[in-house]
Amino acid sequence: MNDAYVMLNCDLGAEAAIIEELKEIEQVVDVFETIGTHDMLVKLQAENFEKVREIVSRNIQQIKKVRSTSTLIKKES
């Protein structure tokens, strides 16, 4: 399993609805609202890099009112 962290920005006031949609994605482990450069941090667990990319591009980036994403994939030791 690969851990990945997706930082996202969204339209003001859309946080609660986006969190509910994110929680419906099977690979989403946790969602945190944040203060700072990004509005939320999403933790994913997926089989491989390609699956992470698919989830981010086909699921997360397609949620209405998500403005941008930035993904970090945990490096395996």
C-alpha atoms as a PDB file:
ATOM      1  CA  MET A   1       0.000   0.000   0.000  1.00  0.00           C
ATOM      2  CA  ASN A   2       1.145   3.516  -0.784  1.00  0.00           C
ATOM      3  CA  ASP A   3       0.273   6.463   1.449  1.00  0.00           C
ATOM      4  CA  ALA A   4      -0.389   9.756  -0.268  1.00  0.00           C
ATOM      5  CA  TYR A   5      -1.367  13.166   1.004  1.00  0.00           C
ATOM      6  CA  VAL A   6      -3.438  15.524  -1.121  1.00  0.00           C
ATOM      7  CA  MET A   7      -3.550  19.180  -0.161  1.00  0.00           C
ATOM      8  CA  LEU A   8      -6.433  20.998  -1.722  1.00  0.00           C
ATOM      9  CA  ASN A   9      -7.949  24.427  -2.014  1.00  0.00           C
ATOM     10  CA  CYS A  10     -11.648  25.006  -2.474  1.00  0.00           C
ATOM     11  CA  ASP A  11     -14.212  27.745  -2.797  1.00  0.00           C
ATOM     12  CA  LEU A  12     -15.043  29.548   0.441  1.00  0.00           C
ATOM     13  CA  GLY A  13     -17.897  27.830   2.256  1.00  0.00           C
ATOM     14  CA  ALA A  14     -17.676  24.587   0.274  1.00  0.00           C
ATOM     15  CA  GLU A  15     -15.583  22.710   2.839  1.00  0.00           C
ATOM     16  CA  ALA A  16     -18.337  20.648   4.502  1.00  0.00           C
ATOM     17  CA  ALA A  17     -19.817  19.411   1.212  1.00  0.00           C
ATOM     18  CA  ILE A  18     -16.390  18.535  -0.165  1.00  0.00           C
ATOM     19  CA  ILE A  19     -15.468  16.627   2.989  1.00  0.00           C
ATOM     20  CA  GLU A  20     -18.625  14.531   2.670  1.00  0.00           C
ATOM     21  CA  GLU A  21     -17.793  13.684  -0.962  1.00  0.00           C
ATOM     22  CA  LEU A  22     -14.185  12.852  -0.085  1.00  0.00           C
ATOM     23  CA  LYS A  23     -15.300  10.438   2.634  1.00  0.00           C
ATOM     24  CA  GLU A  24     -17.230   8.467   0.005  1.00  0.00           C
ATOM     25  CA  ILE A  25     -13.995   7.612  -1.855  1.00  0.00           C
ATOM     26  CA  GLU A  26     -12.876   4.150  -0.721  1.00  0.00           C
ATOM     27  CA  GLN A  27      -9.165   4.989  -0.573  1.00  0.00           C
ATOM     28  CA  VAL A  28      -9.618   8.115   1.569  1.00  0.00           C
ATOM     29  CA  VAL A  29      -8.365   7.304   5.058  1.00  0.00           C
ATOM     30  CA  ASP A  30      -8.814  10.723   6.667  1.00  0.00           C
ATOM     31  CA  VAL A  31      -9.645  14.346   5.871  1.00  0.00           C
ATOM     32  CA  PHE A  32      -8.502  17.370   7.861  1.00  0.00           C
ATOM     33  CA  GLU A  33      -9.485  21.016   7.446  1.00  0.00           C
ATOM     34  CA  THR A  34      -6.357  23.145   7.717  1.00  0.00           C
ATOM     35  CA  ILE A  35      -5.372  26.747   8.245  1.00  0.00           C
ATOM     36  CA  GLY A  36      -2.637  28.137   6.043  1.00  0.00           C
ATOM     37  CA  THR A  37      -1.700  27.682   2.419  1.00  0.00           C
ATOM     38  CA  HIS A  38      -4.242  24.904   1.820  1.00  0.00           C
ATOM     39  CA  ASP A  39      -7.833  24.394   2.961  1.00  0.00           C
ATOM     40  CA  MET A  40      -7.712  20.622   3.484  1.00  0.00           C
ATOM     41  CA  LEU A  41      -5.386  17.672   3.802  1.00  0.00           C
ATOM     42  CA  VAL A  42      -6.569  14.291   2.568  1.00  0.00           C
ATOM     43  CA  LYS A  43      -4.782  11.033   3.391  1.00  0.00           C
ATOM     44  CA  LEU A  44      -5.131   8.259   0.804  1.00  0.00           C
ATOM     45  CA  GLN A  45      -4.001   4.652   0.748  1.00  0.00           C
ATOM     46  CA  ALA A  46      -3.761   2.984  -2.648  1.00  0.00           C
ATOM     47  CA  GLU A  47      -2.103  -0.051  -4.202  1.00  0.00           C
ATOM     48  CA  ASN A  48       0.374   1.925  -6.299  1.00  0.00           C
ATOM     49  CA  PHE A  49       1.330   5.295  -7.764  1.00  0.00           C
ATOM     50  CA  GLU A  50      -0.978   4.865 -10.760  1.00  0.00           C
ATOM     51  CA  LYS A  51      -3.980   4.301  -8.488  1.00  0.00           C
ATOM     52  CA  VAL A  52      -3.116   7.430  -6.485  1.00  0.00           C
ATOM     53  CA  ARG A  53      -2.939   9.438  -9.705  1.00  0.00           C
ATOM     54  CA  GLU A  54      -6.276   8.016 -10.855  1.00  0.00           C
ATOM     55  CA  ILE A  55      -8.019   8.860  -7.581  1.00  0.00           C
ATOM     56  CA  VAL A  56      -6.697  12.415  -7.577  1.00  0.00           C
ATOM     57  CA  SER A  57      -7.431  13.173 -11.240  1.00  0.00           C
ATOM     58  CA  ARG A  58     -10.708  11.266 -11.693  1.00  0.00           C
ATOM     59  CA  ASN A  59     -12.253  11.696  -8.278  1.00  0.00           C
ATOM     60  CA  ILE A  60     -10.848  14.502  -6.136  1.00  0.00           C
ATOM     61  CA  GLN A  61     -10.174  17.063  -8.875  1.00  0.00           C
ATOM     62  CA  GLN A  62     -13.660  16.476 -10.305  1.00  0.00           C
ATOM     63  CA  ILE A  63     -15.473  17.456  -7.100  1.00  0.00           C
ATOM     64  CA  LYS A  64     -17.340  20.720  -7.631  1.00  0.00           C
ATOM     65  CA  LYS A  65     -15.735  23.743  -5.983  1.00  0.00           C
ATOM     66  CA  VAL A  66     -12.289  22.116  -5.640  1.00  0.00           C
ATOM     67  CA  ARG A  67      -9.957  24.746  -7.082  1.00  0.00           C
ATOM     68  CA  SER A  68      -6.557  23.043  -6.907  1.00  0.00           C
ATOM     69  CA  THR A  69      -4.687  20.037  -5.552  1.00  0.00           C
ATOM     70  CA  SER A  70      -1.116  19.199  -4.681  1.00  0.00           C
ATOM     71  CA  THR A  71      -0.106  15.591  -4.006  1.00  0.00           C
ATOM     72  CA  LEU A  72       2.712  14.143  -1.920  1.00  0.00           C
ATOM     73  CA  ILE A  73       3.422  10.415  -1.993  1.00  0.00           C
ATOM     74  CA  LYS A  74       5.175   8.882   0.975  1.00  0.00           C
ATOM     75  CA  LYS A  75       8.548   7.435   0.000  1.00  0.00           C
ATOM     76  CA  GLU A  76       9.028   3.861   1.075  1.00  0.00           C
ATOM     77  CA  SER A  77      12.198   3.200   3.092  1.00  0.00           C
END
